[in-house]
Amino acid sequence: LWELERSIARELLTDDEPAIVTPAASILDD
């Protein structure tokens, strides 16, 4: 789950369209 959440966070954050992004808390361990 945490690996999947980190992968998703990378996708959300690397999108160039400005947005409000809410990644999973597990990214705080990485």
PDB file of all heavy atoms in Angstrom:
ATOM      1  N   LEU A   1       0.840  -1.202   0.000  1.00  0.00           N
ATOM      2  CA  LEU A   1       0.000   0.000   0.000  1.00  0.00           C
ATOM      3  C   LEU A   1       0.870   1.245   0.000  1.00  0.00           C
ATOM      4  O   LEU A   1       0.662   2.163  -0.796  1.00  0.00           O
ATOM      5  CB  LEU A   1      -0.934   0.015   1.216  1.00  0.00           C
ATOM      6  CG  LEU A   1      -1.695   1.330   1.422  1.00  0.00           C
ATOM      7  CD1 LEU A   1      -2.715   1.547   0.310  1.00  0.00           C
ATOM      8  CD2 LEU A   1      -2.348   1.359   2.788  1.00  0.00           C
ATOM      9  N   TRP A   2       1.850   1.295   0.880  1.00  0.00           N
ATOM     10  CA  TRP A   2       2.692   2.484   0.977  1.00  0.00           C
ATOM     11  C   TRP A   2       3.475   2.732  -0.306  1.00  0.00           C
ATOM     12  O   TRP A   2       3.631   3.875  -0.725  1.00  0.00           O
ATOM     13  CB  TRP A   2       3.615   2.382   2.176  1.00  0.00           C
ATOM     14  CG  TRP A   2       2.904   2.509   3.484  1.00  0.00           C
ATOM     15  CD1 TRP A   2       1.637   2.980   3.711  1.00  0.00           C
ATOM     16  CD2 TRP A   2       3.419   2.149   4.757  1.00  0.00           C
ATOM     17  NE1 TRP A   2       1.331   2.935   5.042  1.00  0.00           N
ATOM     18  CE2 TRP A   2       2.407   2.428   5.725  1.00  0.00           C
ATOM     19  CE3 TRP A   2       4.615   1.614   5.204  1.00  0.00           C
ATOM     20  CZ2 TRP A   2       2.574   2.197   7.079  1.00  0.00           C
ATOM     21  CZ3 TRP A   2       4.785   1.385   6.558  1.00  0.00           C
ATOM     22  CH2 TRP A   2       3.772   1.681   7.487  1.00  0.00           C
ATOM     23  N   GLU A   3       3.961   1.692  -0.941  1.00  0.00           N
ATOM     24  CA  GLU A   3       4.672   1.870  -2.213  1.00  0.00           C
ATOM     25  C   GLU A   3       3.726   2.418  -3.275  1.00  0.00           C
ATOM     26  O   GLU A   3       4.085   3.314  -4.038  1.00  0.00           O
ATOM     27  CB  GLU A   3       5.305   0.560  -2.677  1.00  0.00           C
ATOM     28  CG  GLU A   3       6.143   0.729  -3.937  1.00  0.00           C
ATOM     29  CD  GLU A   3       7.198   1.827  -3.845  1.00  0.00           C
ATOM     30  OE1 GLU A   3       7.877   1.956  -2.809  1.00  0.00           O
ATOM     31  OE2 GLU A   3       7.342   2.588  -4.839  1.00  0.00           O
ATOM     32  N   LEU A   4       2.517   1.901  -3.312  1.00  0.00           N
ATOM     33  CA  LEU A   4       1.513   2.391  -4.252  1.00  0.00           C
ATOM     34  C   LEU A   4       1.184   3.858  -3.954  1.00  0.00           C
ATOM     35  O   LEU A   4       1.103   4.687  -4.877  1.00  0.00           O
ATOM     36  CB  LEU A   4       0.255   1.533  -4.165  1.00  0.00           C
ATOM     37  CG  LEU A   4      -0.917   1.901  -5.067  1.00  0.00           C
ATOM     38  CD1 LEU A   4      -0.533   1.868  -6.532  1.00  0.00           C
ATOM     39  CD2 LEU A   4      -2.088   0.960  -4.789  1.00  0.00           C
ATOM     40  N   GLU A   5       1.008   4.205  -2.696  1.00  0.00           N
ATOM     41  CA  GLU A   5       0.714   5.599  -2.326  1.00  0.00           C
ATOM     42  C   GLU A   5       1.844   6.536  -2.732  1.00  0.00           C
ATOM     43  O   GLU A   5       1.590   7.656  -3.193  1.00  0.00           O
ATOM     44  CB  GLU A   5       0.442   5.695  -0.823  1.00  0.00           C
ATOM     45  CG  GLU A   5      -0.875   5.078  -0.408  1.00  0.00           C
ATOM     46  CD  GLU A   5      -1.095   5.026   1.085  1.00  0.00           C
ATOM     47  OE1 GLU A   5      -0.102   5.044   1.865  1.00  0.00           O
ATOM     48  OE2 GLU A   5      -2.269   4.959   1.494  1.00  0.00           O
ATOM     49  N   ARG A   6       3.066   6.093  -2.595  1.00  0.00           N
ATOM     50  CA  ARG A   6       4.208   6.934  -2.989  1.00  0.00           C
ATOM     51  C   ARG A   6       4.268   7.110  -4.501  1.00  0.00           C
ATOM     52  O   ARG A   6       4.563   8.209  -4.996  1.00  0.00           O
ATOM     53  CB  ARG A   6       5.503   6.339  -2.444  1.00  0.00           C
ATOM     54  CG  ARG A   6       5.578   6.456  -0.947  1.00  0.00           C
ATOM     55  CD  ARG A   6       6.738   5.702  -0.366  1.00  0.00           C
ATOM     56  NE  ARG A   6       6.656   5.777   1.090  1.00  0.00           N
ATOM     57  CZ  ARG A   6       7.124   4.861   1.910  1.00  0.00           C
ATOM     58  NH1 ARG A   6       7.732   3.792   1.442  1.00  0.00           N
ATOM     59  NH2 ARG A   6       6.992   5.007   3.211  1.00  0.00           N
ATOM     60  N   SER A   7       3.973   6.055  -5.225  1.00  0.00           N
ATOM     61  CA  SER A   7       3.931   6.142  -6.684  1.00  0.00           C
ATOM     62  C   SER A   7       2.847   7.116  -7.137  1.00  0.00           C
ATOM     63  O   SER A   7       3.069   7.949  -8.034  1.00  0.00           O
ATOM     64  CB  SER A   7       3.676   4.746  -7.263  1.00  0.00           C
ATOM     65  OG  SER A   7       3.458   4.806  -8.645  1.00  0.00           O
ATOM     66  N   ILE A   8       1.697   7.025  -6.524  1.00  0.00           N
ATOM     67  CA  ILE A   8       0.593   7.935  -6.852  1.00  0.00           C
ATOM     68  C   ILE A   8       0.963   9.369  -6.515  1.00  0.00           C
ATOM     69  O   ILE A   8       0.706  10.285  -7.298  1.00  0.00           O
ATOM     70  CB  ILE A   8      -0.699   7.488  -6.147  1.00  0.00           C
ATOM     71  CG1 ILE A   8      -1.219   6.203  -6.808  1.00  0.00           C
ATOM     72  CG2 ILE A   8      -1.741   8.598  -6.148  1.00  0.00           C
ATOM     73  CD1 ILE A   8      -2.311   5.502  -6.036  1.00  0.00           C
ATOM     74  N   ALA A   9       1.590   9.593  -5.372  1.00  0.00           N
ATOM     75  CA  ALA A   9       2.010  10.949  -4.991  1.00  0.00           C
ATOM     76  C   ALA A   9       2.970  11.517  -6.033  1.00  0.00           C
ATOM     77  O   ALA A   9       2.863  12.695  -6.399  1.00  0.00           O
ATOM     78  CB  ALA A   9       2.657  10.941  -3.609  1.00  0.00           C
ATOM     79  N   ARG A  10       3.901  10.695  -6.516  1.00  0.00           N
ATOM     80  CA  ARG A  10       4.832  11.165  -7.563  1.00  0.00           C
ATOM     81  C   ARG A  10       4.054  11.614  -8.805  1.00  0.00           C
ATOM     82  O   ARG A  10       4.358  12.655  -9.384  1.00  0.00           O
ATOM     83  CB  ARG A  10       5.842  10.076  -7.924  1.00  0.00           C
ATOM     84  CG  ARG A  10       6.958   9.922  -6.910  1.00  0.00           C
ATOM     85  CD  ARG A  10       8.059   8.989  -7.402  1.00  0.00           C
ATOM     86  NE  ARG A  10       7.624   7.610  -7.575  1.00  0.00           N
ATOM     87  CZ  ARG A  10       7.563   6.684  -6.611  1.00  0.00           C
ATOM     88  NH1 ARG A  10       7.907   7.010  -5.376  1.00  0.00           N
ATOM     89  NH2 ARG A  10       7.169   5.463  -6.868  1.00  0.00           N
ATOM     90  N   GLU A  11       3.059  10.848  -9.201  1.00  0.00           N
ATOM     91  CA  GLU A  11       2.254  11.214 -10.363  1.00  0.00           C
ATOM     92  C   GLU A  11       1.497  12.520 -10.132  1.00  0.00           C
ATOM     93  O   GLU A  11       1.468  13.395 -10.998  1.00  0.00           O
ATOM     94  CB  GLU A  11       1.262  10.105 -10.691  1.00  0.00           C
ATOM     95  CG  GLU A  11       1.894   8.864 -11.265  1.00  0.00           C
ATOM     96  CD  GLU A  11       0.892   7.737 -11.464  1.00  0.00           C
ATOM     97  OE1 GLU A  11      -0.322   8.000 -11.472  1.00  0.00           O
ATOM     98  OE2 GLU A  11       1.342   6.592 -11.614  1.00  0.00           O
ATOM     99  N   LEU A  12       0.863  12.631  -8.975  1.00  0.00           N
ATOM    100  CA  LEU A  12       0.081  13.831  -8.678  1.00  0.00           C
ATOM    101  C   LEU A  12       0.961  15.069  -8.649  1.00  0.00           C
ATOM    102  O   LEU A  12       0.588  16.126  -9.171  1.00  0.00           O
ATOM    103  CB  LEU A  12      -0.648  13.683  -7.344  1.00  0.00           C
ATOM    104  CG  LEU A  12      -1.667  12.547  -7.219  1.00  0.00           C
ATOM    105  CD1 LEU A  12      -2.235  12.508  -5.801  1.00  0.00           C
ATOM    106  CD2 LEU A  12      -2.773  12.679  -8.244  1.00  0.00           C
ATOM    107  N   LEU A  13       2.127  14.956  -8.031  1.00  0.00           N
ATOM    108  CA  LEU A  13       3.007  16.112  -7.854  1.00  0.00           C
ATOM    109  C   LEU A  13       3.771  16.485  -9.110  1.00  0.00           C
ATOM    110  O   LEU A  13       4.162  17.644  -9.266  1.00  0.00           O
ATOM    111  CB  LEU A  13       3.973  15.860  -6.702  1.00  0.00           C
ATOM    112  CG  LEU A  13       3.322  15.879  -5.319  1.00  0.00           C
ATOM    113  CD1 LEU A  13       4.219  15.207  -4.287  1.00  0.00           C
ATOM    114  CD2 LEU A  13       2.986  17.306  -4.910  1.00  0.00           C
ATOM    115  N   THR A  14       3.989  15.542 -10.022  1.00  0.00           N
ATOM    116  CA  THR A  14       4.743  15.873 -11.230  1.00  0.00           C
ATOM    117  C   THR A  14       3.858  16.372 -12.367  1.00  0.00           C
ATOM    118  O   THR A  14       4.372  16.835 -13.384  1.00  0.00           O
ATOM    119  CB  THR A  14       5.598  14.679 -11.718  1.00  0.00           C
ATOM    120  OG1 THR A  14       4.770  13.542 -11.930  1.00  0.00           O
ATOM    121  CG2 THR A  14       6.697  14.357 -10.708  1.00  0.00           C
ATOM    122  N   ASP A  15       2.560  16.324 -12.185  1.00  0.00           N
ATOM    123  CA  ASP A  15       1.647  16.918 -13.165  1.00  0.00           C
ATOM    124  C   ASP A  15       1.861  18.428 -13.140  1.00  0.00           C
ATOM    125  O   ASP A  15       1.919  19.041 -12.075  1.00  0.00           O
ATOM    126  CB  ASP A  15       0.199  16.570 -12.793  1.00  0.00           C
ATOM    127  CG  ASP A  15      -0.786  16.968 -13.876  1.00  0.00           C
ATOM    128  OD1 ASP A  15      -0.661  18.083 -14.440  1.00  0.00           O
ATOM    129  OD2 ASP A  15      -1.695  16.174 -14.148  1.00  0.00           O
ATOM    130  N   ASP A  16       1.992  19.030 -14.315  1.00  0.00           N
ATOM    131  CA  ASP A  16       2.286  20.465 -14.386  1.00  0.00           C
ATOM    132  C   ASP A  16       1.077  21.371 -14.202  1.00  0.00           C
ATOM    133  O   ASP A  16       1.241  22.571 -13.987  1.00  0.00           O
ATOM    134  CB  ASP A  16       2.967  20.804 -15.714  1.00  0.00           C
ATOM    135  CG  ASP A  16       4.408  20.338 -15.740  1.00  0.00           C
ATOM    136  OD1 ASP A  16       5.030  20.248 -14.663  1.00  0.00           O
ATOM    137  OD2 ASP A  16       4.918  20.056 -16.846  1.00  0.00           O
ATOM    138  N   GLU A  17      -0.134  20.823 -14.295  1.00  0.00           N
ATOM    139  CA  GLU A  17      -1.317  21.650 -14.101  1.00  0.00           C
ATOM    140  C   GLU A  17      -1.447  22.000 -12.619  1.00  0.00           C
ATOM    141  O   GLU A  17      -1.480  21.116 -11.766  1.00  0.00           O
ATOM    142  CB  GLU A  17      -2.580  20.920 -14.557  1.00  0.00           C
ATOM    143  CG  GLU A  17      -3.826  21.766 -14.384  1.00  0.00           C
ATOM    144  CD  GLU A  17      -5.106  21.007 -14.709  1.00  0.00           C
ATOM    145  OE1 GLU A  17      -5.049  19.807 -15.002  1.00  0.00           O
ATOM    146  OE2 GLU A  17      -6.165  21.644 -14.652  1.00  0.00           O
ATOM    147  N   PRO A  18      -1.507  23.294 -12.274  1.00  0.00           N
ATOM    148  CA  PRO A  18      -1.647  23.671 -10.870  1.00  0.00           C
ATOM    149  C   PRO A  18      -2.872  23.009 -10.236  1.00  0.00           C
ATOM    150  O   PRO A  18      -3.938  22.923 -10.849  1.00  0.00           O
ATOM    151  CB  PRO A  18      -1.813  25.193 -10.919  1.00  0.00           C
ATOM    152  CG  PRO A  18      -1.131  25.594 -12.195  1.00  0.00           C
ATOM    153  CD  PRO A  18      -1.424  24.466 -13.151  1.00  0.00           C
ATOM    154  N   ALA A  19      -2.689  22.544  -8.998  1.00  0.00           N
ATOM    155  CA  ALA A  19      -3.760  21.832  -8.303  1.00  0.00           C
ATOM    156  C   ALA A  19      -3.544  21.894  -6.799  1.00  0.00           C
ATOM    157  O   ALA A  19      -2.462  22.241  -6.318  1.00  0.00           O
ATOM    158  CB  ALA A  19      -3.793  20.372  -8.755  1.00  0.00           C
ATOM    159  N   ILE A  20      -4.604  21.538  -6.091  1.00  0.00           N
ATOM    160  CA  ILE A  20      -4.520  21.291  -4.661  1.00  0.00           C
ATOM    161  C   ILE A  20      -4.291  19.784  -4.529  1.00  0.00           C
ATOM    162  O   ILE A  20      -5.119  18.987  -4.987  1.00  0.00           O
ATOM    163  CB  ILE A  20      -5.819  21.697  -3.922  1.00  0.00           C
ATOM    164  CG1 ILE A  20      -6.284  23.101  -4.320  1.00  0.00           C
ATOM    165  CG2 ILE A  20      -5.634  21.538  -2.423  1.00  0.00           C
ATOM    166  CD1 ILE A  20      -5.356  24.225  -3.973  1.00  0.00           C
ATOM    167  N   VAL A  21      -3.169  19.383  -3.955  1.00  0.00           N
ATOM    168  CA  VAL A  21      -2.768  17.974  -3.921  1.00  0.00           C
ATOM    169  C   VAL A  21      -2.797  17.464  -2.478  1.00  0.00           C
ATOM    170  O   VAL A  21      -2.266  18.116  -1.573  1.00  0.00           O
ATOM    171  CB  VAL A  21      -1.365  17.789  -4.523  1.00  0.00           C
ATOM    172  CG1 VAL A  21      -0.912  16.339  -4.445  1.00  0.00           C
ATOM    173  CG2 VAL A  21      -1.330  18.280  -5.967  1.00  0.00           C
ATOM    174  N   THR A  22      -3.422  16.294  -2.298  1.00  0.00           N
ATOM    175  CA  THR A  22      -3.490  15.664  -0.981  1.00  0.00           C
ATOM    176  C   THR A  22      -2.942  14.239  -1.074  1.00  0.00           C
ATOM    177  O   THR A  22      -3.690  13.292  -1.283  1.00  0.00           O
ATOM    178  CB  THR A  22      -4.927  15.657  -0.423  1.00  0.00           C
ATOM    179  OG1 THR A  22      -5.817  15.107  -1.404  1.00  0.00           O
ATOM    180  CG2 THR A  22      -5.381  17.062  -0.067  1.00  0.00           C
ATOM    181  N   PRO A  23      -1.633  14.089  -0.921  1.00  0.00           N
ATOM    182  CA  PRO A  23      -1.048  12.752  -0.960  1.00  0.00           C
ATOM    183  C   PRO A  23      -1.278  12.013   0.368  1.00  0.00           C
ATOM    184  O   PRO A  23      -1.605  12.617   1.382  1.00  0.00           O
ATOM    185  CB  PRO A  23       0.443  13.022  -1.175  1.00  0.00           C
ATOM    186  CG  PRO A  23       0.666  14.374  -0.579  1.00  0.00           C
ATOM    187  CD  PRO A  23      -0.619  15.134  -0.770  1.00  0.00           C
ATOM    188  N   ALA A  24      -1.079  10.710   0.324  1.00  0.00           N
ATOM    189  CA  ALA A  24      -1.210   9.890   1.533  1.00  0.00           C
ATOM    190  C   ALA A  24      -0.127  10.247   2.549  1.00  0.00           C
ATOM    191  O   ALA A  24       0.979  10.660   2.185  1.00  0.00           O
ATOM    192  CB  ALA A  24      -1.105   8.414   1.160  1.00  0.00           C
ATOM    193  N   ALA A  25      -0.445  10.050   3.807  1.00  0.00           N
ATOM    194  CA  ALA A  25       0.499  10.355   4.887  1.00  0.00           C
ATOM    195  C   ALA A  25       1.753   9.493   4.828  1.00  0.00           C
ATOM    196  O   ALA A  25       2.805   9.891   5.339  1.00  0.00           O
ATOM    197  CB  ALA A  25      -0.184  10.185   6.242  1.00  0.00           C
ATOM    198  N   SER A  26       1.673   8.349   4.195  1.00  0.00           N
ATOM    199  CA  SER A  26       2.834   7.450   4.131  1.00  0.00           C
ATOM    200  C   SER A  26       4.022   8.092   3.421  1.00  0.00           C
ATOM    201  O   SER A  26       5.163   7.689   3.656  1.00  0.00           O
ATOM    202  CB  SER A  26       2.459   6.131   3.444  1.00  0.00           C
ATOM    203  OG  SER A  26       2.085   6.359   2.101  1.00  0.00           O
ATOM    204  N   ILE A  27       3.788   9.101   2.598  1.00  0.00           N
ATOM    205  CA  ILE A  27       4.921   9.741   1.917  1.00  0.00           C
ATOM    206  C   ILE A  27       5.831  10.459   2.911  1.00  0.00           C
ATOM    207  O   ILE A  27       6.990  10.721   2.600  1.00  0.00           O
ATOM    208  CB  ILE A  27       4.483  10.706   0.792  1.00  0.00           C
ATOM    209  CG1 ILE A  27       3.861  11.978   1.352  1.00  0.00           C
ATOM    210  CG2 ILE A  27       3.588  10.011  -0.207  1.00  0.00           C
ATOM    211  CD1 ILE A  27       3.889  13.136   0.398  1.00  0.00           C
ATOM    212  N   LEU A  28       5.321  10.735   4.089  1.00  0.00           N
ATOM    213  CA  LEU A  28       6.136  11.412   5.099  1.00  0.00           C
ATOM    214  C   LEU A  28       7.261  10.529   5.632  1.00  0.00           C
ATOM    215  O   LEU A  28       8.181  11.023   6.276  1.00  0.00           O
ATOM    216  CB  LEU A  28       5.261  11.896   6.261  1.00  0.00           C
ATOM    217  CG  LEU A  28       4.272  12.998   5.892  1.00  0.00           C
ATOM    218  CD1 LEU A  28       3.246  13.196   6.999  1.00  0.00           C
ATOM    219  CD2 LEU A  28       5.005  14.289   5.575  1.00  0.00           C
ATOM    220  N   ASP A  29       7.210   9.235   5.324  1.00  0.00           N
ATOM    221  CA  ASP A  29       8.268   8.308   5.719  1.00  0.00           C
ATOM    222  C   ASP A  29       9.335   8.156   4.639  1.00  0.00           C
ATOM    223  O   ASP A  29      10.282   7.394   4.818  1.00  0.00           O
ATOM    224  CB  ASP A  29       7.672   6.912   5.999  1.00  0.00           C
ATOM    225  CG  ASP A  29       6.717   6.902   7.168  1.00  0.00           C
ATOM    226  OD1 ASP A  29       6.908   7.699   8.113  1.00  0.00           O
ATOM    227  OD2 ASP A  29       5.768   6.096   7.137  1.00  0.00           O
ATOM    228  N   ASP A  30       9.195   8.860   3.533  1.00  0.00           N
ATOM    229  CA  ASP A  30      10.059   8.666   2.372  1.00  0.00           C
ATOM    230  C   ASP A  30      10.755   9.973   2.000  1.00  0.00           C
ATOM    231  O   ASP A  30      10.096  10.924   1.562  1.00  0.00           O
ATOM    232  CB  ASP A  30       9.209   8.142   1.205  1.00  0.00           C
ATOM    233  CG  ASP A  30      10.022   7.896  -0.039  1.00  0.00           C
ATOM    234  OD1 ASP A  30      10.932   7.041   0.002  1.00  0.00           O
ATOM    235  OD2 ASP A  30       9.750   8.574  -1.062  1.00  0.00           O
TER     236      ASP A  30
END
